């Protein structure tokens, strides 16, 4: 569920994430954070996210340099209304995230 790119580990998330479905992504991000100093989450294919994903993103951010790329509209709105977009580094592309 990930690959190396430019020294960072990129995790690609697809689908909906809530309390019932977050575990595989959490495992992937936890493993990536243990392995790399920078982790990039490609969020372009996330169709739904709730506080379970927000909590995971903040936890991962505290463990490593997390970058979130290309969040879909619903996730971007969730990040904005919760203020999480001021804590996390959100980038337009994977290339931008790796370079930052």
C-alpha atoms as a PDB file:
ATOM      1  CA  UNK A   1       0.000   0.000   0.000  1.00  0.00           C
ATOM      2  CA  UNK A   2       2.936   2.295  -0.586  1.00  0.00           C
ATOM      3  CA  UNK A   3       6.111   3.025  -2.479  1.00  0.00           C
ATOM      4  CA  UNK A   4       9.319   4.982  -2.148  1.00  0.00           C
ATOM      5  CA  UNK A   5       9.528   8.245  -4.062  1.00  0.00           C
ATOM      6  CA  UNK A   6      12.299  10.809  -3.737  1.00  0.00           C
ATOM      7  CA  UNK A   7      13.278   9.665  -0.255  1.00  0.00           C
ATOM      8  CA  UNK A   8       9.717   9.762   1.078  1.00  0.00           C
ATOM      9  CA  UNK A   9       7.261   6.895   1.475  1.00  0.00           C
ATOM     10  CA  UNK A  10       4.041   7.468  -0.460  1.00  0.00           C
ATOM     11  CA  UNK A  11       0.838   5.810   0.761  1.00  0.00           C
ATOM     12  CA  UNK A  12      -2.138   5.837  -1.587  1.00  0.00           C
ATOM     13  CA  UNK A  13      -5.564   5.901   0.051  1.00  0.00           C
ATOM     14  CA  UNK A  14      -8.723   4.914  -1.809  1.00  0.00           C
ATOM     15  CA  UNK A  15     -12.352   4.796  -0.784  1.00  0.00           C
ATOM     16  CA  UNK A  16     -14.169   5.702   2.403  1.00  0.00           C
ATOM     17  CA  UNK A  17     -12.567   5.911   5.833  1.00  0.00           C
ATOM     18  CA  UNK A  18     -14.467   5.702   9.081  1.00  0.00           C
ATOM     19  CA  UNK A  19     -14.115   3.794  12.341  1.00  0.00           C
ATOM     20  CA  UNK A  20     -14.980   0.508  10.607  1.00  0.00           C
ATOM     21  CA  UNK A  21     -12.552   0.844   7.680  1.00  0.00           C
ATOM     22  CA  UNK A  22      -9.568   2.841   8.979  1.00  0.00           C
ATOM     23  CA  UNK A  23      -7.393  -0.053  10.209  1.00  0.00           C
ATOM     24  CA  UNK A  24      -5.594  -0.981   6.946  1.00  0.00           C
ATOM     25  CA  UNK A  25      -4.699   2.649   6.278  1.00  0.00           C
ATOM     26  CA  UNK A  26      -3.632   3.130   9.899  1.00  0.00           C
ATOM     27  CA  UNK A  27      -1.361   0.096   9.647  1.00  0.00           C
ATOM     28  CA  UNK A  28       0.160   1.401   6.406  1.00  0.00           C
ATOM     29  CA  UNK A  29       0.790   4.888   7.812  1.00  0.00           C
ATOM     30  CA  UNK A  30       2.171   3.528  11.096  1.00  0.00           C
ATOM     31  CA  UNK A  31       4.597   1.286   9.205  1.00  0.00           C
ATOM     32  CA  UNK A  32       5.605   4.137   6.917  1.00  0.00           C
ATOM     33  CA  UNK A  33       6.199   6.502   9.856  1.00  0.00           C
ATOM     34  CA  UNK A  34       8.424   3.895  11.518  1.00  0.00           C
ATOM     35  CA  UNK A  35      10.397   3.463   8.301  1.00  0.00           C
ATOM     36  CA  UNK A  36      10.759   6.999   6.904  1.00  0.00           C
ATOM     37  CA  UNK A  37      11.235  10.548   8.123  1.00  0.00           C
ATOM     38  CA  UNK A  38       8.779  11.824   5.514  1.00  0.00           C
ATOM     39  CA  UNK A  39       5.464  10.208   4.588  1.00  0.00           C
ATOM     40  CA  UNK A  40       3.170  11.417   1.830  1.00  0.00           C
ATOM     41  CA  UNK A  41      -0.499  10.448   1.784  1.00  0.00           C
ATOM     42  CA  UNK A  42      -2.049  10.602  -1.678  1.00  0.00           C
ATOM     43  CA  UNK A  43      -5.621  11.469  -0.694  1.00  0.00           C
ATOM     44  CA  UNK A  44      -6.980  12.091  -4.184  1.00  0.00           C
ATOM     45  CA  UNK A  45      -9.109   8.927  -4.232  1.00  0.00           C
ATOM     46  CA  UNK A  46     -10.650   9.273  -0.766  1.00  0.00           C
ATOM     47  CA  UNK A  47     -14.411   9.398  -1.267  1.00  0.00           C
ATOM     48  CA  UNK A  48     -15.426   9.896   2.374  1.00  0.00           C
ATOM     49  CA  UNK A  49     -13.609  10.653   5.612  1.00  0.00           C
ATOM     50  CA  UNK A  50     -14.702  11.264   9.169  1.00  0.00           C
ATOM     51  CA  UNK A  51     -12.947  11.996  12.455  1.00  0.00           C
ATOM     52  CA  UNK A  52     -11.282   8.573  12.361  1.00  0.00           C
ATOM     53  CA  UNK A  53      -9.170   9.715   9.434  1.00  0.00           C
ATOM     54  CA  UNK A  54      -8.526  13.117  11.009  1.00  0.00           C
ATOM     55  CA  UNK A  55      -7.265  11.441  14.180  1.00  0.00           C
ATOM     56  CA  UNK A  56      -5.033   9.136  12.145  1.00  0.00           C
ATOM     57  CA  UNK A  57      -3.580  12.040  10.181  1.00  0.00           C
ATOM     58  CA  UNK A  58      -2.790  14.041  13.312  1.00  0.00           C
ATOM     59  CA  UNK A  59      -1.250  10.981  15.000  1.00  0.00           C
ATOM     60  CA  UNK A  60       0.902  10.313  11.936  1.00  0.00           C
ATOM     61  CA  UNK A  61       1.871  13.998  11.757  1.00  0.00           C
ATOM     62  CA  UNK A  62       3.161  13.760  15.333  1.00  0.00           C
ATOM     63  CA  UNK A  63       5.235  10.676  14.479  1.00  0.00           C
ATOM     64  CA  UNK A  64       6.822  11.854  11.217  1.00  0.00           C
ATOM     65  CA  UNK A  65       6.818  14.617   8.602  1.00  0.00           C
ATOM     66  CA  UNK A  66       3.434  13.938   7.017  1.00  0.00           C
ATOM     67  CA  UNK A  67       2.288  15.573   3.801  1.00  0.00           C
ATOM     68  CA  UNK A  68      -1.251  15.133   2.452  1.00  0.00           C
ATOM     69  CA  UNK A  69      -1.646  15.540  -1.292  1.00  0.00           C
ATOM     70  CA  UNK A  70      -4.596  16.246  -3.538  1.00  0.00           C
ATOM     71  CA  UNK A  71      -7.390  15.787  -1.006  1.00  0.00           C
ATOM     72  CA  UNK A  72     -10.737  15.277  -2.676  1.00  0.00           C
ATOM     73  CA  UNK A  73     -13.413  17.904  -2.085  1.00  0.00           C
ATOM     74  CA  UNK A  74     -15.081  16.249   0.922  1.00  0.00           C
ATOM     75  CA  UNK A  75     -11.787  15.692   2.724  1.00  0.00           C
ATOM     76  CA  UNK A  76     -10.530  19.180   1.923  1.00  0.00           C
ATOM     77  CA  UNK A  77     -13.745  20.621   3.392  1.00  0.00           C
ATOM     78  CA  UNK A  78     -13.393  18.440   6.509  1.00  0.00           C
ATOM     79  CA  UNK A  79      -9.818  19.640   6.980  1.00  0.00           C
ATOM     80  CA  UNK A  80     -10.938  23.261   6.585  1.00  0.00           C
ATOM     81  CA  UNK A  81     -13.933  23.214   8.943  1.00  0.00           C
ATOM     82  CA  UNK A  82     -11.977  21.420  11.674  1.00  0.00           C
ATOM     83  CA  UNK A  83      -8.905  23.630  11.275  1.00  0.00           C
ATOM     84  CA  UNK A  84      -6.763  20.578  10.636  1.00  0.00           C
ATOM     85  CA  UNK A  85      -5.550  22.177   7.408  1.00  0.00           C
ATOM     86  CA  UNK A  86      -3.582  24.642   9.574  1.00  0.00           C
ATOM     87  CA  UNK A  87      -1.795  21.777  11.342  1.00  0.00           C
ATOM     88  CA  UNK A  88      -1.151  19.391   8.453  1.00  0.00           C
ATOM     89  CA  UNK A  89       0.876  20.216   5.378  1.00  0.00           C
ATOM     90  CA  UNK A  90      -1.428  19.857   2.384  1.00  0.00           C
ATOM     91  CA  UNK A  91       0.144  19.925  -1.059  1.00  0.00           C
ATOM     92  CA  UNK A  92      -1.238  19.823  -4.590  1.00  0.00           C
ATOM     93  CA  UNK A  93       0.916  16.964  -5.873  1.00  0.00           C
ATOM     94  CA  UNK A  94       3.130  14.170  -4.671  1.00  0.00           C
ATOM     95  CA  UNK A  95       6.102  15.951  -6.233  1.00  0.00           C
ATOM     96  CA  UNK A  96       5.314  19.122  -4.250  1.00  0.00           C
ATOM     97  CA  UNK A  97       4.953  17.108  -1.056  1.00  0.00           C
ATOM     98  CA  UNK A  98       8.256  15.302  -1.499  1.00  0.00           C
ATOM     99  CA  UNK A  99      10.055  18.569  -2.273  1.00  0.00           C
ATOM    100  CA  UNK A 100       8.647  20.418   0.768  1.00  0.00           C
END
